[in-house]
């Protein structure tokens, strides 16, 4: 796991195992995402997906560029995807790149099990994620204003835990 950017000016992290690599959020320019990936020896062409937590600009600024340029699928709740498609900064995203997720319903992104879970934030059905592969779990939660037993239960057992709370 590598945090490329975190905070009000933009959020973007890279998470991978031996065969699958994903971004969580793309809230900085495509150029900065590419530079961040390059600094850790990752070719953006090898990305398998971009998991979006919510549609605020500090989480989606470079999303359109990265999705179109590298044909990377975008994962988010239907409400988040609908909201980000209305954002003037994202541009047109081809329909085949859109993947809808449901909180508390795990899915496989290649060989990584991804579980989106709901958080309280002023956005259209925002989620955070846990990613599990080879018995190792990463918990990833941004824009936490509050937390409760539900969020703790989702993050429990994480081998790596990324928390960001700026409101």
Protein backbone atom coordinates (compact mmCIF):
# COMPACT_ATOMS: atom_id res chain seq x y z
CA UNK A 1 0.00 0.00 0.00
CA UNK A 2 1.28 3.45 -0.89
CA UNK A 3 -0.47 6.73 -0.18
CA UNK A 4 0.14 8.99 -3.18
CA UNK A 5 -1.88 11.90 -1.71
CA UNK A 6 -4.03 12.42 1.36
CA UNK A 7 -5.93 15.43 2.64
CA UNK A 8 -8.20 18.22 1.52
CA UNK A 9 -6.08 18.92 -1.56
CA UNK A 10 -6.49 15.37 -2.88
CA UNK A 11 -6.68 11.69 -2.01
CA UNK A 12 -5.20 8.75 -3.90
CA UNK A 13 -3.63 5.47 -2.76
CA UNK A 14 -2.23 2.45 -4.55
CA UNK A 15 -2.82 -1.05 -3.17
CA UNK A 16 -1.62 -4.29 -4.71
CA UNK A 17 -0.66 -7.88 -4.25
CA UNK A 18 1.56 -9.87 -6.62
CA UNK A 19 -0.89 -9.76 -9.53
CA UNK A 20 -3.54 -7.07 -8.99
CA UNK A 21 -3.16 -3.33 -8.47
CA UNK A 22 -5.86 -0.79 -7.69
CA UNK A 23 -6.19 2.86 -6.84
CA UNK A 24 -8.49 4.01 -4.11
CA UNK A 25 -9.71 7.43 -5.21
CA UNK A 26 -8.09 9.64 -7.82
CA UNK A 27 -8.35 13.08 -6.25
CA UNK A 28 -5.26 14.66 -7.77
CA UNK A 29 -4.42 15.33 -11.41
CA UNK A 30 -3.76 12.42 -13.72
CA UNK A 31 -0.21 13.72 -14.16
CA UNK A 32 0.39 13.62 -10.39
CA UNK A 33 -1.11 10.13 -10.13
CA UNK A 34 1.17 8.94 -12.94
CA UNK A 35 4.20 10.51 -11.23
CA UNK A 36 3.25 8.92 -7.90
CA UNK A 37 2.88 5.51 -9.50
CA UNK A 38 6.14 5.95 -11.41
CA UNK A 39 7.95 6.77 -8.15
CA UNK A 40 7.09 3.27 -6.87
CA UNK A 41 7.76 1.53 -10.18
CA UNK A 42 4.14 1.00 -11.23
CA UNK A 43 2.95 1.44 -14.81
CA UNK A 44 -0.59 2.90 -14.87
CA UNK A 45 -1.38 0.49 -17.74
CA UNK A 46 -1.23 -2.30 -15.15
CA UNK A 47 -4.03 -0.89 -12.97
CA UNK A 48 -6.97 -3.26 -12.59
CA UNK A 49 -9.44 -0.78 -11.11
CA UNK A 50 -10.13 2.48 -9.33
CA UNK A 51 -12.26 2.23 -6.18
CA UNK A 52 -14.08 5.49 -5.49
CA UNK A 53 -15.19 6.36 -1.96
CA UNK A 54 -17.37 9.33 -2.93
CA UNK A 55 -17.78 12.07 -5.51
CA UNK A 56 -16.10 15.08 -3.88
CA UNK A 57 -13.45 16.68 -6.08
CA UNK A 58 -10.59 15.82 -3.72
CA UNK A 59 -11.41 12.15 -4.46
CA UNK A 60 -12.15 12.26 -8.22
CA UNK A 61 -10.09 15.08 -9.79
CA UNK A 62 -7.94 12.77 -11.95
CA UNK A 63 -10.50 9.99 -12.32
CA UNK A 64 -11.70 10.75 -15.84
CA UNK A 65 -8.20 11.14 -17.23
CA UNK A 66 -6.95 7.89 -15.67
CA UNK A 67 -10.04 5.87 -16.64
CA UNK A 68 -10.01 7.04 -20.26
CA UNK A 69 -6.25 7.04 -20.82
CA UNK A 70 -5.69 3.54 -19.39
CA UNK A 71 -9.18 2.03 -19.78
CA UNK A 72 -9.34 1.33 -16.05
CA UNK A 73 -12.69 0.23 -14.58
CA UNK A 74 -14.22 2.51 -11.95
CA UNK A 75 -15.95 1.01 -8.90
CA UNK A 76 -18.43 2.95 -6.78
CA UNK A 77 -21.97 2.93 -5.48
CA UNK A 78 -24.61 3.80 -8.11
CA UNK A 79 -25.30 7.09 -6.31
CA UNK A 80 -21.59 8.00 -6.25
CA UNK A 81 -21.08 7.12 -9.91
CA UNK A 82 -24.18 9.07 -10.96
CA UNK A 83 -22.97 12.09 -8.98
CA UNK A 84 -19.43 12.00 -10.34
CA UNK A 85 -20.68 11.66 -13.92
CA UNK A 86 -22.45 15.00 -13.42
CA UNK A 87 -19.22 16.63 -12.25
CA UNK A 88 -17.82 19.04 -14.82
CA UNK A 89 -14.23 18.05 -14.06
CA UNK A 90 -14.54 14.33 -14.75
CA UNK A 91 -15.60 14.41 -18.39
CA UNK A 92 -17.18 11.56 -20.29
CA UNK A 93 -16.47 8.07 -19.03
CA UNK A 94 -17.33 5.11 -21.26
CA UNK A 95 -20.19 3.03 -19.81
CA UNK A 96 -18.23 -0.27 -19.99
CA UNK A 97 -15.75 1.13 -17.45
CA UNK A 98 -18.41 1.68 -14.77
CA UNK A 99 -18.82 -0.99 -12.08
CA UNK A 100 -21.45 -0.63 -9.36
CA UNK A 101 -20.82 -1.76 -5.80
CA UNK A 102 -23.16 -2.22 -2.85
CA UNK A 103 -22.16 -1.57 0.76
CA UNK A 104 -21.61 -4.80 2.72
CA UNK A 105 -21.50 -6.91 -0.44
CA UNK A 106 -18.01 -8.23 -1.12
CA UNK A 107 -16.78 -8.74 -4.66
CA UNK A 108 -13.64 -10.04 -6.27
CA UNK A 109 -11.42 -7.71 -8.21
CA UNK A 110 -9.23 -10.35 -9.81
CA UNK A 111 -7.73 -12.08 -6.75
CA UNK A 112 -8.46 -9.36 -4.18
CA UNK A 113 -11.66 -9.54 -2.15
CA UNK A 114 -13.08 -6.04 -1.82
CA UNK A 115 -15.76 -5.10 0.67
CA UNK A 116 -17.30 -1.63 0.50
CA UNK A 117 -18.90 -0.38 3.71
CA UNK A 118 -20.99 2.68 4.48
CA UNK A 119 -19.71 5.76 6.29
CA UNK A 120 -21.33 8.97 7.43
CA UNK A 121 -20.29 11.81 5.12
CA UNK A 122 -22.07 14.55 3.15
CA UNK A 123 -21.98 12.70 -0.15
CA UNK A 124 -24.18 10.41 -2.25
CA UNK A 125 -23.93 6.99 -0.55
CA UNK A 126 -20.20 7.15 0.33
CA UNK A 127 -18.24 4.02 1.19
CA UNK A 128 -14.84 2.98 2.38
CA UNK A 129 -13.20 -0.36 1.68
CA UNK A 130 -11.41 -3.37 3.03
CA UNK A 131 -9.24 -5.39 0.67
CA UNK A 132 -8.21 -8.96 1.47
CA UNK A 133 -5.73 -11.19 -0.32
CA UNK A 134 -3.66 -14.16 0.78
CA UNK A 135 -5.03 -13.91 4.32
CA UNK A 136 -3.97 -10.26 4.69
CA UNK A 137 -6.46 -7.44 5.11
CA UNK A 138 -6.11 -3.73 4.45
CA UNK A 139 -8.68 -1.38 5.95
CA UNK A 140 -9.07 1.94 4.16
CA UNK A 141 -11.32 4.68 5.55
CA UNK A 142 -11.26 8.34 4.54
CA UNK A 143 -13.33 11.38 5.52
CA UNK A 144 -14.34 9.86 8.81
CA UNK A 145 -16.10 12.52 10.81
CA UNK A 146 -17.48 9.95 13.21
CA UNK A 147 -17.09 6.24 13.74
CA UNK A 148 -19.18 3.60 15.45
CA UNK A 149 -19.23 -0.12 16.21
CA UNK A 150 -20.21 -0.88 12.60
CA UNK A 151 -17.10 0.83 11.18
CA UNK A 152 -14.90 -0.74 13.86
CA UNK A 153 -16.29 -4.19 12.95
CA UNK A 154 -15.46 -3.64 9.27
CA UNK A 155 -11.89 -2.51 10.00
CA UNK A 156 -11.23 -5.07 12.72
CA UNK A 157 -8.48 -7.54 11.91
CA UNK A 158 -6.76 -5.28 9.39
CA UNK A 159 -3.05 -5.91 9.01
CA UNK A 160 -2.71 -2.40 7.58
CA UNK A 161 -5.15 0.34 8.51
CA UNK A 162 -5.32 3.65 6.64
CA UNK A 163 -7.44 6.29 8.36
CA UNK A 164 -7.99 9.86 7.22
CA UNK A 165 -10.25 12.28 9.05
CA UNK A 166 -10.21 15.93 8.06
CA UNK A 167 -13.64 17.22 8.97
